[in-house]
Each structure stands twice: as C-alpha cells, then as structure tokens.
Amino acid sequence: MFIRLPRKLFLFYVSVFYLIGIPVHAENNTAPTGSFKSKACMECHKKNNPLLIKDWRSSAHANTQPITDCVACHGKLHQAAASSSRRDSTCIRCHGGKKDPVVHSYTTSKHGVLMQLEKRSYDWNQPLADANYRAPGCSYCHMHKAGHNVSAGIRDDLMDKAAEKKVREQTRIACLDCHAPRYITRLFENGERMLEIGRKKVREARSLIEQSSVTFSDDELAPARAQLVKMQQHLTNVYLGVAHQSPDYQWWHGHPALDGDLLRIKGFIGELYRIKK
C-alpha cells in the first residue's frame, strides 16, 4: 500500500532516513511538466548528470554567439525533448539550411542519402546507441553516446597535434559502431592525402601572389587575392567532403574547383607580367 504524504512531511522523513542510513527513492522522481527555460534544465541536470553540463560548456554550442542552449535543441517541454534533438532537421535549422555547405556536404553523402530515404522509419524515441538507425545523422556522430561536446569530433588546422589526435580517436570510435577498423583506417589515410594535396594547391597560389607583390601593386593583384579567398572556401569543401564522406564535396566542389582557382590566379599574374613587358 502506498501513502502519499504532504510535501513538507515527506521531505522531513527523507532527511531523517538519510541521516540514519535508510535509502529513499523520491516518489516524484519524474520529469517536470510545463514549459521551462535552459537555466532550469542546467540546474536540474547539473545534479543528476554533471558531466553532461560540463560537456556542453566545453562545446562550440556554449562558446559562440548566439549560444545554442538546451531549449534550442530540445524545445521547451520534456515531451519529445530527446527525440527532437536527435533529428537532423533540428541541426539543419541552425546550421544554414539545406543549401549551406556544412549541411549539403552531409546530405549528398551516402549516409545523408540513406537518412533522407529512411528517416520516417526510425524510432527517434530510442537512445542513439540502441535504436534502428541504419545511417548516422548529425547527432549520432557529433554527440556520440549522448556526449554534449559537439566539438569533440571537429578538427581544424589551428589545433595542436595532441588535440588533433584526440579528435581522430573520437571520430574513429563513432565509425567503429558500423565499420571495420581496417576500412576506417583506409578512409582516414585517403582523407589525409586529399587534404594535403588541397593545402599544397593553396600554398602554391599564396606563394605566387606573395612573390608578385614585389613587382605589382595591391590594386593590380586584387583579382588574384579575391580568387585566393574563393580558393580557401573550396579547400573547406574538401575538408567537409572528407569529414562527411561526400564525393561531391571532395571532387566536384573541392579539388576541381581548387584547380580552377589556381589556374585563374596564374592567369591573372601572367597577364600582369605580359602587360609589364
């Protein structure tokens, strides 16, 4: 038989039982009802799962403006809070929409295509690790095992070697859920080669412009410098293509675009030398 006690009396007994060592399970250990704000989420989850809040505070979501807080991903109600955060549509809404390179490079990959074809058959109420997702979505890879540091699997050239190694290990752990170790190793090796070739093309273009700056003015070199800016964007496409395993971004939007940029820069500078002669 279960007796419901007044709240004050209930808390009194909890305190007494705790002091004398009797374990107590609160009868209202359920999610609160009604609308709430992110501050309330953090205050509650900091007690229940402090690592979750620590993860979030370490991520780009907490350290960029505007801050991407709990409500931004989970909504204002506990109903469907988890399932809404697992859907790609929630991430796409903040990350520039379907045409943004970050999103488009994923949706044109094999993972992204499978997700679009099968997303209505997935059980979004189940935890990512337990559910029937044949293709990983944004949250599966970037919040693997419910980790809230979305930056843990994102790499950039400004990282030191230790941080870069940590990102590679984190990424590999997520890939191992579905793929064989040797297959992942080959993908990583091929990706590194593609990135280094892309960097070499950009270095060559930058070197040509720097050498030419001794002979020509900034105004004369302005078209070449503008093309170099586009070249950096196309190198980013190669990064996205490798990270999301999108052939379109590794090739069509990546390396051939870099080749075109480099040829145009050489053409601009070559024309300046011809005019000077």
C-alpha atoms as a PDB file:
ATOM      1  CA  MET A   1       0.000   0.000   0.000  1.00  0.00           C
ATOM      2  CA  PHE A   2       1.339   3.463  -0.953  1.00  0.00           C
ATOM      3  CA  ILE A   3       0.548   6.507   1.200  1.00  0.00           C
ATOM      4  CA  ARG A   4       1.020   9.984  -0.310  1.00  0.00           C
ATOM      5  CA  LEU A   5       2.472  12.344   2.304  1.00  0.00           C
ATOM      6  CA  PRO A   6       2.333  16.156   2.318  1.00  0.00           C
ATOM      7  CA  ARG A   7       5.465  17.594   0.733  1.00  0.00           C
ATOM      8  CA  LYS A   8       6.913  19.109   3.937  1.00  0.00           C
ATOM      9  CA  LEU A   9       6.360  15.897   5.882  1.00  0.00           C
ATOM     10  CA  PHE A  10       7.806  13.864   3.015  1.00  0.00           C
ATOM     11  CA  LEU A  11      10.978  15.985   2.989  1.00  0.00           C
ATOM     12  CA  PHE A  12      11.249  15.659   6.780  1.00  0.00           C
ATOM     13  CA  TYR A  13      11.177  11.858   6.584  1.00  0.00           C
ATOM     14  CA  VAL A  14      13.653  11.887   3.706  1.00  0.00           C
ATOM     15  CA  SER A  15      16.078  13.881   5.857  1.00  0.00           C
ATOM     16  CA  VAL A  16      15.653  11.562   8.835  1.00  0.00           C
ATOM     17  CA  PHE A  17      16.026   8.366   6.755  1.00  0.00           C
ATOM     18  CA  TYR A  18      19.082   9.807   5.043  1.00  0.00           C
ATOM     19  CA  LEU A  19      20.752  10.576   8.399  1.00  0.00           C
ATOM     20  CA  ILE A  20      20.168   7.074   9.775  1.00  0.00           C
ATOM     21  CA  GLY A  21      21.247   5.385   6.527  1.00  0.00           C
ATOM     22  CA  ILE A  22      17.943   4.156   5.101  1.00  0.00           C
ATOM     23  CA  PRO A  23      17.850   4.518   1.267  1.00  0.00           C
ATOM     24  CA  VAL A  24      14.969   6.644  -0.012  1.00  0.00           C
ATOM     25  CA  HIS A  25      13.554   6.878  -3.537  1.00  0.00           C
ATOM     26  CA  ALA A  26      11.548  10.026  -4.154  1.00  0.00           C
ATOM     27  CA  GLU A  27       8.008   9.326  -5.263  1.00  0.00           C
ATOM     28  CA  ASN A  28       8.106  12.321  -7.649  1.00  0.00           C
ATOM     29  CA  ASN A  29      11.308  11.329  -9.470  1.00  0.00           C
ATOM     30  CA  THR A  30       9.823  12.242 -12.865  1.00  0.00           C
ATOM     31  CA  ALA A  31      10.435  14.996 -15.371  1.00  0.00           C
ATOM     32  CA  PRO A  32       8.716  18.293 -14.537  1.00  0.00           C
ATOM     33  CA  THR A  33       5.710  19.278 -16.575  1.00  0.00           C
ATOM     34  CA  GLY A  34       5.089  22.533 -18.402  1.00  0.00           C
ATOM     35  CA  SER A  35       7.339  24.951 -20.221  1.00  0.00           C
ATOM     36  CA  PHE A  36      10.808  25.752 -18.894  1.00  0.00           C
ATOM     37  CA  LYS A  37      13.996  27.651 -19.773  1.00  0.00           C
ATOM     38  CA  SER A  38      17.559  26.403 -20.248  1.00  0.00           C
ATOM     39  CA  LYS A  39      18.607  27.673 -16.827  1.00  0.00           C
ATOM     40  CA  ALA A  40      16.129  25.292 -15.205  1.00  0.00           C
ATOM     41  CA  CYS A  41      17.469  22.392 -17.297  1.00  0.00           C
ATOM     42  CA  MET A  42      21.032  23.077 -16.222  1.00  0.00           C
ATOM     43  CA  GLU A  43      20.189  23.437 -12.543  1.00  0.00           C
ATOM     44  CA  CYS A  44      18.429  20.059 -12.544  1.00  0.00           C
ATOM     45  CA  HIS A  45      20.830  18.147 -14.803  1.00  0.00           C
ATOM     46  CA  LYS A  46      23.883  19.530 -13.017  1.00  0.00           C
ATOM     47  CA  LYS A  47      22.769  17.452 -10.021  1.00  0.00           C
ATOM     48  CA  ASN A  48      21.773  14.336 -11.963  1.00  0.00           C
ATOM     49  CA  ASN A  49      24.451  14.340 -14.666  1.00  0.00           C
ATOM     50  CA  PRO A  50      27.157  16.981 -14.122  1.00  0.00           C
ATOM     51  CA  LEU A  51      29.316  15.579 -16.967  1.00  0.00           C
ATOM     52  CA  LEU A  52      26.557  16.397 -19.448  1.00  0.00           C
ATOM     53  CA  ILE A  53      26.616  20.073 -18.483  1.00  0.00           C
ATOM     54  CA  LYS A  54      30.437  20.092 -18.443  1.00  0.00           C
ATOM     55  CA  ASP A  55      30.449  18.632 -21.973  1.00  0.00           C
ATOM     56  CA  TRP A  56      28.078  21.287 -23.218  1.00  0.00           C
ATOM     57  CA  ARG A  57      30.111  24.105 -21.648  1.00  0.00           C
ATOM     58  CA  SER A  58      33.215  22.821 -23.484  1.00  0.00           C
ATOM     59  CA  SER A  59      31.476  22.810 -26.852  1.00  0.00           C
ATOM     60  CA  ALA A  60      31.090  25.369 -29.619  1.00  0.00           C
ATOM     61  CA  HIS A  61      27.378  25.472 -28.794  1.00  0.00           C
ATOM     62  CA  ALA A  62      28.142  27.165 -25.464  1.00  0.00           C
ATOM     63  CA  ASN A  63      31.045  29.311 -26.662  1.00  0.00           C
ATOM     64  CA  THR A  64      29.707  31.031 -29.770  1.00  0.00           C
ATOM     65  CA  GLN A  65      27.085  33.715 -30.208  1.00  0.00           C
ATOM     66  CA  PRO A  66      24.204  33.208 -30.129  1.00  0.00           C
ATOM     67  CA  ILE A  67      24.576  30.405 -27.593  1.00  0.00           C
ATOM     68  CA  THR A  68      22.903  27.143 -28.551  1.00  0.00           C
ATOM     69  CA  ASP A  69      21.335  26.168 -25.249  1.00  0.00           C
ATOM     70  CA  CYS A  70      19.117  23.284 -24.095  1.00  0.00           C
ATOM     71  CA  VAL A  71      15.877  24.785 -25.429  1.00  0.00           C
ATOM     72  CA  ALA A  72      17.420  25.411 -28.874  1.00  0.00           C
ATOM     73  CA  CYS A  73      17.859  21.664 -29.408  1.00  0.00           C
ATOM     74  CA  HIS A  74      15.340  20.055 -27.063  1.00  0.00           C
ATOM     75  CA  GLY A  75      12.455  22.536 -27.067  1.00  0.00           C
ATOM     76  CA  LYS A  76      10.635  23.955 -24.037  1.00  0.00           C
ATOM     77  CA  LEU A  77       8.828  20.768 -22.965  1.00  0.00           C
ATOM     78  CA  HIS A  78      10.040  17.373 -21.797  1.00  0.00           C
ATOM     79  CA  GLN A  79       7.632  15.679 -24.162  1.00  0.00           C
ATOM     80  CA  ALA A  80       9.684  14.705 -27.232  1.00  0.00           C
ATOM     81  CA  ALA A  81      12.698  16.646 -25.894  1.00  0.00           C
ATOM     82  CA  ALA A  82      15.083  13.788 -26.668  1.00  0.00           C
ATOM     83  CA  SER A  83      13.576  12.719 -29.985  1.00  0.00           C
ATOM     84  CA  SER A  84      13.534  16.257 -31.407  1.00  0.00           C
ATOM     85  CA  SER A  85      17.222  16.726 -30.644  1.00  0.00           C
ATOM     86  CA  ARG A  86      18.119  13.511 -32.479  1.00  0.00           C
ATOM     87  CA  ARG A  87      16.584  14.584 -35.787  1.00  0.00           C
ATOM     88  CA  ASP A  88      18.744  16.180 -38.465  1.00  0.00           C
ATOM     89  CA  SER A  89      16.117  18.868 -39.060  1.00  0.00           C
ATOM     90  CA  THR A  90      16.917  20.399 -35.651  1.00  0.00           C
ATOM     91  CA  CYS A  91      20.613  20.770 -36.519  1.00  0.00           C
ATOM     92  CA  ILE A  92      19.933  21.951 -40.087  1.00  0.00           C
ATOM     93  CA  ARG A  93      17.678  24.721 -38.814  1.00  0.00           C
ATOM     94  CA  CYS A  94      20.646  26.407 -37.085  1.00  0.00           C
ATOM     95  CA  HIS A  95      23.421  25.404 -39.471  1.00  0.00           C
ATOM     96  CA  GLY A  96      22.414  27.439 -42.505  1.00  0.00           C
ATOM     97  CA  GLY A  97      19.681  25.322 -44.052  1.00  0.00           C
ATOM     98  CA  LYS A  98      19.841  22.609 -46.689  1.00  0.00           C
ATOM     99  CA  LYS A  99      21.999  24.579 -49.146  1.00  0.00           C
ATOM    100  CA  ASP A 100      24.746  25.500 -46.673  1.00  0.00           C
ATOM    101  CA  PRO A 101      27.995  23.587 -47.452  1.00  0.00           C
ATOM    102  CA  VAL A 102      28.159  22.116 -43.940  1.00  0.00           C
ATOM    103  CA  VAL A 103      24.687  20.616 -44.355  1.00  0.00           C
ATOM    104  CA  HIS A 104      24.779  19.939 -48.099  1.00  0.00           C
ATOM    105  CA  SER A 105      28.066  18.026 -47.876  1.00  0.00           C
ATOM    106  CA  TYR A 106      26.378  15.630 -45.448  1.00  0.00           C
ATOM    107  CA  THR A 107      23.046  15.292 -47.267  1.00  0.00           C
ATOM    108  CA  THR A 108      24.846  14.424 -50.535  1.00  0.00           C
ATOM    109  CA  SER A 109      26.899  11.699 -48.830  1.00  0.00           C
ATOM    110  CA  LYS A 110      25.783   8.085 -48.722  1.00  0.00           C
ATOM    111  CA  HIS A 111      24.942   8.471 -45.028  1.00  0.00           C
ATOM    112  CA  GLY A 112      22.842  11.552 -45.762  1.00  0.00           C
ATOM    113  CA  VAL A 113      21.012   9.967 -48.687  1.00  0.00           C
ATOM    114  CA  LEU A 114      20.125   6.901 -46.605  1.00  0.00           C
ATOM    115  CA  MET A 115      18.925   9.130 -43.796  1.00  0.00           C
ATOM    116  CA  GLN A 116      16.599  11.023 -46.147  1.00  0.00           C
ATOM    117  CA  LEU A 117      15.194   7.788 -47.551  1.00  0.00           C
ATOM    118  CA  GLU A 118      14.642   6.052 -44.208  1.00  0.00           C
ATOM    119  CA  LYS A 119      14.152   8.785 -41.589  1.00  0.00           C
ATOM    120  CA  ARG A 120      10.400   8.157 -41.328  1.00  0.00           C
ATOM    121  CA  SER A 121      11.040   4.543 -40.335  1.00  0.00           C
ATOM    122  CA  TYR A 122      13.431   5.384 -37.482  1.00  0.00           C
ATOM    123  CA  ASP A 123      12.375   5.297 -33.849  1.00  0.00           C
ATOM    124  CA  TRP A 124      13.621   8.695 -32.642  1.00  0.00           C
ATOM    125  CA  ASN A 125      12.424   7.978 -29.095  1.00  0.00           C
ATOM    126  CA  GLN A 126      15.178   5.417 -28.583  1.00  0.00           C
ATOM    127  CA  PRO A 127      18.688   6.434 -27.487  1.00  0.00           C
ATOM    128  CA  LEU A 128      21.045   6.790 -30.440  1.00  0.00           C
ATOM    129  CA  ALA A 129      23.129   3.780 -29.433  1.00  0.00           C
ATOM    130  CA  ASP A 130      20.103   1.471 -29.110  1.00  0.00           C
ATOM    131  CA  ALA A 131      17.810   2.452 -31.956  1.00  0.00           C
ATOM    132  CA  ASN A 132      17.344   1.225 -35.501  1.00  0.00           C
ATOM    133  CA  TYR A 133      19.368   3.890 -37.344  1.00  0.00           C
ATOM    134  CA  ARG A 134      20.970   2.319 -40.408  1.00  0.00           C
ATOM    135  CA  ALA A 135      22.657   5.612 -41.283  1.00  0.00           C
ATOM    136  CA  PRO A 136      24.079   8.034 -38.719  1.00  0.00           C
ATOM    137  CA  GLY A 137      22.593  11.509 -38.550  1.00  0.00           C
ATOM    138  CA  CYS A 138      24.198  14.700 -37.257  1.00  0.00           C
ATOM    139  CA  SER A 139      23.626  13.907 -33.595  1.00  0.00           C
ATOM    140  CA  TYR A 140      24.772  10.284 -33.910  1.00  0.00           C
ATOM    141  CA  CYS A 141      28.282  11.314 -34.957  1.00  0.00           C
ATOM    142  CA  HIS A 142      28.668  14.700 -33.257  1.00  0.00           C
ATOM    143  CA  MET A 143      27.000  13.703 -29.970  1.00  0.00           C
ATOM    144  CA  HIS A 144      28.108  10.092 -29.868  1.00  0.00           C
ATOM    145  CA  LYS A 145      26.992   8.182 -26.766  1.00  0.00           C
ATOM    146  CA  ALA A 146      24.958  11.252 -25.757  1.00  0.00           C
ATOM    147  CA  GLY A 147      28.088  13.382 -25.261  1.00  0.00           C
ATOM    148  CA  HIS A 148      27.143  17.065 -25.411  1.00  0.00           C
ATOM    149  CA  ASN A 149      30.502  18.409 -26.585  1.00  0.00           C
ATOM    150  CA  VAL A 150      29.716  18.606 -30.306  1.00  0.00           C
ATOM    151  CA  SER A 151      33.229  19.986 -30.913  1.00  0.00           C
ATOM    152  CA  ALA A 152      34.868  16.724 -29.822  1.00  0.00           C
ATOM    153  CA  GLY A 153      34.651  15.359 -33.374  1.00  0.00           C
ATOM    154  CA  ILE A 154      35.504  18.563 -35.259  1.00  0.00           C
ATOM    155  CA  ARG A 155      39.047  19.321 -36.360  1.00  0.00           C
ATOM    156  CA  ASP A 156      40.768  22.413 -37.726  1.00  0.00           C
ATOM    157  CA  ASP A 157      44.293  23.326 -38.815  1.00  0.00           C
ATOM    158  CA  LEU A 158      44.884  25.525 -35.762  1.00  0.00           C
ATOM    159  CA  MET A 159      44.811  22.533 -33.414  1.00  0.00           C
ATOM    160  CA  ASP A 160      47.997  21.174 -31.896  1.00  0.00           C
ATOM    161  CA  LYS A 161      48.932  17.560 -32.540  1.00  0.00           C
ATOM    162  CA  ALA A 162      47.535  16.303 -29.230  1.00  0.00           C
ATOM    163  CA  ALA A 163      44.103  17.894 -29.838  1.00  0.00           C
ATOM    164  CA  GLU A 164      44.072  16.653 -33.423  1.00  0.00           C
ATOM    165  CA  LYS A 165      44.834  13.108 -32.280  1.00  0.00           C
ATOM    166  CA  LYS A 166      42.008  13.291 -29.737  1.00  0.00           C
ATOM    167  CA  VAL A 167      39.525  14.335 -32.444  1.00  0.00           C
ATOM    168  CA  ARG A 168      40.654  11.482 -34.700  1.00  0.00           C
ATOM    169  CA  GLU A 169      40.187   8.976 -31.858  1.00  0.00           C
ATOM    170  CA  GLN A 170      36.732  10.351 -31.043  1.00  0.00           C
ATOM    171  CA  THR A 171      35.698  10.137 -34.694  1.00  0.00           C
ATOM    172  CA  ARG A 172      37.063   6.632 -35.021  1.00  0.00           C
ATOM    173  CA  ILE A 173      35.017   5.463 -32.014  1.00  0.00           C
ATOM    174  CA  ALA A 174      31.809   6.609 -33.697  1.00  0.00           C
ATOM    175  CA  CYS A 175      32.744   4.992 -37.028  1.00  0.00           C
ATOM    176  CA  LEU A 176      33.538   1.681 -35.317  1.00  0.00           C
ATOM    177  CA  ASP A 177      29.869   1.266 -34.423  1.00  0.00           C
ATOM    178  CA  CYS A 178      29.231   0.262 -38.038  1.00  0.00           C
ATOM    179  CA  HIS A 179      32.551  -0.182 -39.876  1.00  0.00           C
ATOM    180  CA  ALA A 180      35.593  -2.447 -39.659  1.00  0.00           C
ATOM    181  CA  PRO A 181      38.818  -0.979 -38.204  1.00  0.00           C
ATOM    182  CA  ARG A 182      40.837  -1.530 -41.388  1.00  0.00           C
ATOM    183  CA  TYR A 183      38.186   0.166 -43.533  1.00  0.00           C
ATOM    184  CA  ILE A 184      38.175   3.210 -41.234  1.00  0.00           C
ATOM    185  CA  THR A 185      41.985   3.371 -41.294  1.00  0.00           C
ATOM    186  CA  ARG A 186      41.977   3.440 -45.116  1.00  0.00           C
ATOM    187  CA  LEU A 187      39.333   6.181 -45.173  1.00  0.00           C
ATOM    188  CA  PHE A 188      41.378   8.276 -42.751  1.00  0.00           C
ATOM    189  CA  GLU A 189      44.585   7.764 -44.756  1.00  0.00           C
ATOM    190  CA  ASN A 190      42.898   8.659 -48.048  1.00  0.00           C
ATOM    191  CA  GLY A 191      41.311  11.711 -46.441  1.00  0.00           C
ATOM    192  CA  GLU A 192      44.662  12.959 -45.142  1.00  0.00           C
ATOM    193  CA  ARG A 193      46.183  12.634 -48.618  1.00  0.00           C
ATOM    194  CA  MET A 194      43.323  14.566 -50.189  1.00  0.00           C
ATOM    195  CA  LEU A 195      43.611  17.337 -47.600  1.00  0.00           C
ATOM    196  CA  GLU A 196      47.370  17.668 -48.035  1.00  0.00           C
ATOM    197  CA  ILE A 197      47.041  17.910 -51.826  1.00  0.00           C
ATOM    198  CA  GLY A 198      44.447  20.645 -51.338  1.00  0.00           C
ATOM    199  CA  ARG A 199      46.711  22.535 -48.936  1.00  0.00           C
ATOM    200  CA  LYS A 200      49.590  22.341 -51.427  1.00  0.00           C
ATOM    201  CA  LYS A 201      47.445  23.977 -54.108  1.00  0.00           C
ATOM    202  CA  VAL A 202      46.551  26.825 -51.752  1.00  0.00           C
ATOM    203  CA  ARG A 203      50.196  27.245 -50.668  1.00  0.00           C
ATOM    204  CA  GLU A 204      51.274  27.453 -54.308  1.00  0.00           C
ATOM    205  CA  ALA A 205      48.684  30.139 -55.056  1.00  0.00           C
ATOM    206  CA  ARG A 206      49.603  32.157 -51.963  1.00  0.00           C
ATOM    207  CA  SER A 207      53.305  31.924 -52.802  1.00  0.00           C
ATOM    208  CA  LEU A 208      52.697  33.179 -56.360  1.00  0.00           C
ATOM    209  CA  ILE A 209      50.800  36.212 -55.056  1.00  0.00           C
ATOM    210  CA  GLU A 210      53.442  36.992 -52.416  1.00  0.00           C
ATOM    211  CA  GLN A 211      56.243  36.835 -54.989  1.00  0.00           C
ATOM    212  CA  SER A 212      54.273  39.038 -57.371  1.00  0.00           C
ATOM    213  CA  SER A 213      53.597  41.642 -54.671  1.00  0.00           C
ATOM    214  CA  VAL A 214      57.229  42.768 -55.029  1.00  0.00           C
ATOM    215  CA  THR A 215      56.506  43.819 -58.635  1.00  0.00           C
ATOM    216  CA  PHE A 216      52.808  44.738 -58.655  1.00  0.00           C
ATOM    217  CA  SER A 217      50.541  46.929 -56.523  1.00  0.00           C
ATOM    218  CA  ASP A 218      47.710  45.742 -54.293  1.00  0.00           C
ATOM    219  CA  ASP A 219      45.179  47.081 -56.802  1.00  0.00           C
ATOM    220  CA  GLU A 220      46.775  45.100 -59.617  1.00  0.00           C
ATOM    221  CA  LEU A 221      46.790  41.920 -57.538  1.00  0.00           C
ATOM    222  CA  ALA A 222      43.255  42.426 -56.191  1.00  0.00           C
ATOM    223  CA  PRO A 223      41.653  39.907 -58.646  1.00  0.00           C
ATOM    224  CA  ALA A 224      44.220  37.257 -57.677  1.00  0.00           C
ATOM    225  CA  ARG A 225      43.646  37.858 -53.960  1.00  0.00           C
ATOM    226  CA  ALA A 226      39.869  37.658 -54.431  1.00  0.00           C
ATOM    227  CA  GLN A 227      40.349  34.314 -56.174  1.00  0.00           C
ATOM    228  CA  LEU A 228      42.506  33.140 -53.250  1.00  0.00           C
ATOM    229  CA  VAL A 229      39.562  33.816 -50.904  1.00  0.00           C
ATOM    230  CA  LYS A 230      37.386  31.564 -53.082  1.00  0.00           C
ATOM    231  CA  MET A 231      40.171  29.009 -53.033  1.00  0.00           C
ATOM    232  CA  GLN A 232      40.041  28.880 -49.219  1.00  0.00           C
ATOM    233  CA  GLN A 233      36.304  28.222 -49.450  1.00  0.00           C
ATOM    234  CA  HIS A 234      36.926  25.372 -51.884  1.00  0.00           C
ATOM    235  CA  LEU A 235      39.569  23.905 -49.554  1.00  0.00           C
ATOM    236  CA  THR A 236      36.923  23.966 -46.817  1.00  0.00           C
ATOM    237  CA  ASN A 237      34.715  21.965 -49.179  1.00  0.00           C
ATOM    238  CA  VAL A 238      37.436  19.300 -49.357  1.00  0.00           C
ATOM    239  CA  TYR A 239      37.510  19.194 -45.523  1.00  0.00           C
ATOM    240  CA  LEU A 240      33.728  18.789 -45.444  1.00  0.00           C
ATOM    241  CA  GLY A 241      33.855  16.145 -48.172  1.00  0.00           C
ATOM    242  CA  VAL A 242      36.410  14.109 -46.246  1.00  0.00           C
ATOM    243  CA  ALA A 243      34.642  14.549 -42.892  1.00  0.00           C
ATOM    244  CA  HIS A 244      31.194  13.679 -44.252  1.00  0.00           C
ATOM    245  CA  GLN A 245      32.445  11.211 -46.877  1.00  0.00           C
ATOM    246  CA  SER A 246      30.775  13.183 -49.662  1.00  0.00           C
ATOM    247  CA  PRO A 247      32.338  12.502 -53.098  1.00  0.00           C
ATOM    248  CA  ASP A 248      30.648  15.640 -54.468  1.00  0.00           C
ATOM    249  CA  TYR A 249      32.475  17.824 -51.960  1.00  0.00           C
ATOM    250  CA  GLN A 250      35.771  16.003 -52.238  1.00  0.00           C
ATOM    251  CA  TRP A 251      35.717  16.360 -56.001  1.00  0.00           C
ATOM    252  CA  TRP A 252      33.107  18.491 -57.775  1.00  0.00           C
ATOM    253  CA  HIS A 253      33.007  21.263 -55.132  1.00  0.00           C
ATOM    254  CA  GLY A 254      36.561  20.571 -53.937  1.00  0.00           C
ATOM    255  CA  HIS A 255      39.628  19.592 -55.935  1.00  0.00           C
ATOM    256  CA  PRO A 256      38.463  20.535 -59.464  1.00  0.00           C
ATOM    257  CA  ALA A 257      37.345  23.908 -58.051  1.00  0.00           C
ATOM    258  CA  LEU A 258      40.796  24.346 -56.453  1.00  0.00           C
ATOM    259  CA  ASP A 259      42.439  23.539 -59.787  1.00  0.00           C
ATOM    260  CA  GLY A 260      40.307  26.177 -61.497  1.00  0.00           C
ATOM    261  CA  ASP A 261      41.184  28.745 -58.805  1.00  0.00           C
ATOM    262  CA  LEU A 262      44.907  28.084 -59.182  1.00  0.00           C
ATOM    263  CA  LEU A 263      44.754  28.365 -62.981  1.00  0.00           C
ATOM    264  CA  ARG A 264      42.868  31.674 -62.743  1.00  0.00           C
ATOM    265  CA  ILE A 265      45.398  33.099 -60.288  1.00  0.00           C
ATOM    266  CA  LYS A 266      48.236  32.070 -62.587  1.00  0.00           C
ATOM    267  CA  GLY A 267      46.326  33.667 -65.471  1.00  0.00           C
ATOM    268  CA  PHE A 268      45.830  36.977 -63.600  1.00  0.00           C
ATOM    269  CA  ILE A 269      49.512  37.186 -62.652  1.00  0.00           C
ATOM    270  CA  GLY A 270      50.714  36.023 -66.080  1.00  0.00           C
ATOM    271  CA  GLU A 271      48.649  38.761 -67.736  1.00  0.00           C
ATOM    272  CA  LEU A 272      50.224  41.389 -65.446  1.00  0.00           C
ATOM    273  CA  TYR A 273      53.696  40.288 -66.477  1.00  0.00           C
ATOM    274  CA  ARG A 274      52.730  40.360 -70.172  1.00  0.00           C
ATOM    275  CA  ILE A 275      51.375  43.902 -69.824  1.00  0.00           C
ATOM    276  CA  LYS A 276      54.511  44.996 -67.966  1.00  0.00           C
ATOM    277  CA  LYS A 277      56.741  43.683 -70.741  1.00  0.00           C
END
